[in-house]
Amino acid sequence: MPDPYLCPNCKTNKTRFNLIEQVATPVRLDPNTGSIVENFADRSPDPFHLPYRGPELKVQCAVCGVIDDEIAFIKRAQSMAKQIP
């Protein structure tokens, strides 16, 4: 079951959000030109290339524009629910 959101910044928005799916593409760049030398999308990167371990989803408040991890929006909504008798 999905959790309600509340913007941790403006603290008023409970309904308008942009869900941002993050898809990491591991690549190796040329240090001089910045062009992609190697794309590891089809195979594992070399041992010196750490895999992406960040969140798969970010949330943007469509009222004030703040972008944060989904958990920040969920926790703000839970915190406000506890304050309301």
C-alpha atoms as a PDB file:
ATOM      1  CA  MET A   1       0.000   0.000   0.000  1.00  0.00           C
ATOM      2  CA  PRO A   2       1.406   3.410  -0.930  1.00  0.00           C
ATOM      3  CA  ASP A   3       2.255   5.960   1.749  1.00  0.00           C
ATOM      4  CA  PRO A   4       0.948   9.543   1.831  1.00  0.00           C
ATOM      5  CA  TYR A   5       3.397  12.354   1.078  1.00  0.00           C
ATOM      6  CA  LEU A   6       3.779  15.805   2.575  1.00  0.00           C
ATOM      7  CA  CYS A   7       6.397  18.223   1.283  1.00  0.00           C
ATOM      8  CA  PRO A   8       9.180  18.625   3.884  1.00  0.00           C
ATOM      9  CA  ASN A   9       9.908  22.134   2.597  1.00  0.00           C
ATOM     10  CA  CYS A  10       6.610  23.990   2.097  1.00  0.00           C
ATOM     11  CA  LYS A  11       4.710  21.688   4.511  1.00  0.00           C
ATOM     12  CA  THR A  12       1.396  22.302   2.746  1.00  0.00           C
ATOM     13  CA  ASN A  13       1.431  20.179  -0.404  1.00  0.00           C
ATOM     14  CA  LYS A  14      -0.095  16.724   0.003  1.00  0.00           C
ATOM     15  CA  THR A  15      -1.279  16.082  -3.559  1.00  0.00           C
ATOM     16  CA  ARG A  16       0.989  17.451  -6.309  1.00  0.00           C
ATOM     17  CA  PHE A  17       4.300  15.710  -6.886  1.00  0.00           C
ATOM     18  CA  ASN A  18       6.651  14.639  -9.680  1.00  0.00           C
ATOM     19  CA  LEU A  19       8.126  11.144  -9.311  1.00  0.00           C
ATOM     20  CA  ILE A  20      11.622  10.967 -10.766  1.00  0.00           C
ATOM     21  CA  GLU A  21      12.921   7.506 -11.619  1.00  0.00           C
ATOM     22  CA  GLN A  22      16.690   7.320 -11.522  1.00  0.00           C
ATOM     23  CA  VAL A  23      18.403   4.957 -13.933  1.00  0.00           C
ATOM     24  CA  ALA A  24      22.165   4.795 -13.593  1.00  0.00           C
ATOM     25  CA  THR A  25      24.259   3.984 -16.663  1.00  0.00           C
ATOM     26  CA  PRO A  26      27.826   3.011 -15.788  1.00  0.00           C
ATOM     27  CA  VAL A  27      30.294   4.524 -18.270  1.00  0.00           C
ATOM     28  CA  ARG A  28      33.965   5.393 -18.556  1.00  0.00           C
ATOM     29  CA  LEU A  29      34.775   8.852 -19.928  1.00  0.00           C
ATOM     30  CA  ASP A  30      37.761  10.237 -21.779  1.00  0.00           C
ATOM     31  CA  PRO A  31      39.418  12.615 -19.250  1.00  0.00           C
ATOM     32  CA  ASN A  32      40.301  15.204 -21.920  1.00  0.00           C
ATOM     33  CA  THR A  33      37.139  15.378 -24.021  1.00  0.00           C
ATOM     34  CA  GLY A  34      34.478  14.015 -21.677  1.00  0.00           C
ATOM     35  CA  SER A  35      33.178  11.686 -24.368  1.00  0.00           C
ATOM     36  CA  ILE A  36      32.082   8.165 -23.482  1.00  0.00           C
ATOM     37  CA  VAL A  37      34.893   5.683 -24.076  1.00  0.00           C
ATOM     38  CA  GLU A  38      33.172   2.620 -22.673  1.00  0.00           C
ATOM     39  CA  ASN A  39      29.564   1.838 -21.756  1.00  0.00           C
ATOM     40  CA  PHE A  40      29.080  -0.914 -19.189  1.00  0.00           C
ATOM     41  CA  ALA A  41      25.297  -1.229 -19.679  1.00  0.00           C
ATOM     42  CA  ASP A  42      25.572  -4.704 -21.241  1.00  0.00           C
ATOM     43  CA  ARG A  43      28.221  -6.101 -18.906  1.00  0.00           C
ATOM     44  CA  SER A  44      29.723  -5.559 -15.476  1.00  0.00           C
ATOM     45  CA  PRO A  45      32.082  -2.659 -14.980  1.00  0.00           C
ATOM     46  CA  ASP A  46      35.714  -3.203 -14.123  1.00  0.00           C
ATOM     47  CA  PRO A  47      36.688  -3.815 -10.458  1.00  0.00           C
ATOM     48  CA  PHE A  48      37.492  -0.132  -9.854  1.00  0.00           C
ATOM     49  CA  HIS A  49      33.997   1.036 -10.852  1.00  0.00           C
ATOM     50  CA  LEU A  50      31.582   1.069  -7.896  1.00  0.00           C
ATOM     51  CA  PRO A  51      27.953   0.335  -8.775  1.00  0.00           C
ATOM     52  CA  TYR A  52      25.271   2.968  -8.135  1.00  0.00           C
ATOM     53  CA  ARG A  53      23.745   2.486  -4.699  1.00  0.00           C
ATOM     54  CA  GLY A  54      21.472   5.523  -4.510  1.00  0.00           C
ATOM     55  CA  PRO A  55      17.689   5.605  -4.429  1.00  0.00           C
ATOM     56  CA  GLU A  56      15.714   4.447  -7.452  1.00  0.00           C
ATOM     57  CA  LEU A  57      13.102   7.138  -6.875  1.00  0.00           C
ATOM     58  CA  LYS A  58      13.291  10.842  -6.069  1.00  0.00           C
ATOM     59  CA  VAL A  59      10.261  13.064  -5.478  1.00  0.00           C
ATOM     60  CA  GLN A  60       9.792  16.698  -6.462  1.00  0.00           C
ATOM     61  CA  CYS A  61       7.153  18.874  -4.844  1.00  0.00           C
ATOM     62  CA  ALA A  62       5.140  20.354  -7.721  1.00  0.00           C
ATOM     63  CA  VAL A  63       4.312  23.407  -5.579  1.00  0.00           C
ATOM     64  CA  CYS A  64       7.684  24.638  -4.275  1.00  0.00           C
ATOM     65  CA  GLY A  65      10.029  22.549  -6.467  1.00  0.00           C
ATOM     66  CA  VAL A  66      12.126  20.896  -3.743  1.00  0.00           C
ATOM     67  CA  ILE A  67      13.596  17.510  -4.722  1.00  0.00           C
ATOM     68  CA  ASP A  68      14.434  14.894  -2.086  1.00  0.00           C
ATOM     69  CA  ASP A  69      14.370  11.164  -1.414  1.00  0.00           C
ATOM     70  CA  GLU A  70      10.905   9.636  -1.219  1.00  0.00           C
ATOM     71  CA  ILE A  71      11.422   8.758   2.451  1.00  0.00           C
ATOM     72  CA  ALA A  72      11.652  12.469   3.395  1.00  0.00           C
ATOM     73  CA  PHE A  73       8.150  13.100   2.001  1.00  0.00           C
ATOM     74  CA  ILE A  74       6.758   9.982   3.717  1.00  0.00           C
ATOM     75  CA  LYS A  75       8.352  10.801   7.077  1.00  0.00           C
ATOM     76  CA  ARG A  76       7.012  14.387   6.985  1.00  0.00           C
ATOM     77  CA  ALA A  77       3.476  13.057   6.372  1.00  0.00           C
ATOM     78  CA  GLN A  78       3.834  10.534   9.222  1.00  0.00           C
ATOM     79  CA  SER A  79       5.127  13.229  11.563  1.00  0.00           C
ATOM     80  CA  MET A  80       2.174  15.528  10.799  1.00  0.00           C
ATOM     81  CA  ALA A  81      -0.310  12.654  11.242  1.00  0.00           C
ATOM     82  CA  LYS A  82       1.021  12.097  14.779  1.00  0.00           C
ATOM     83  CA  GLN A  83       0.535  15.795  15.651  1.00  0.00           C
ATOM     84  CA  ILE A  84      -3.137  15.826  14.605  1.00  0.00           C
ATOM     85  CA  PRO A  85      -5.344  14.425  17.410  1.00  0.00           C
END
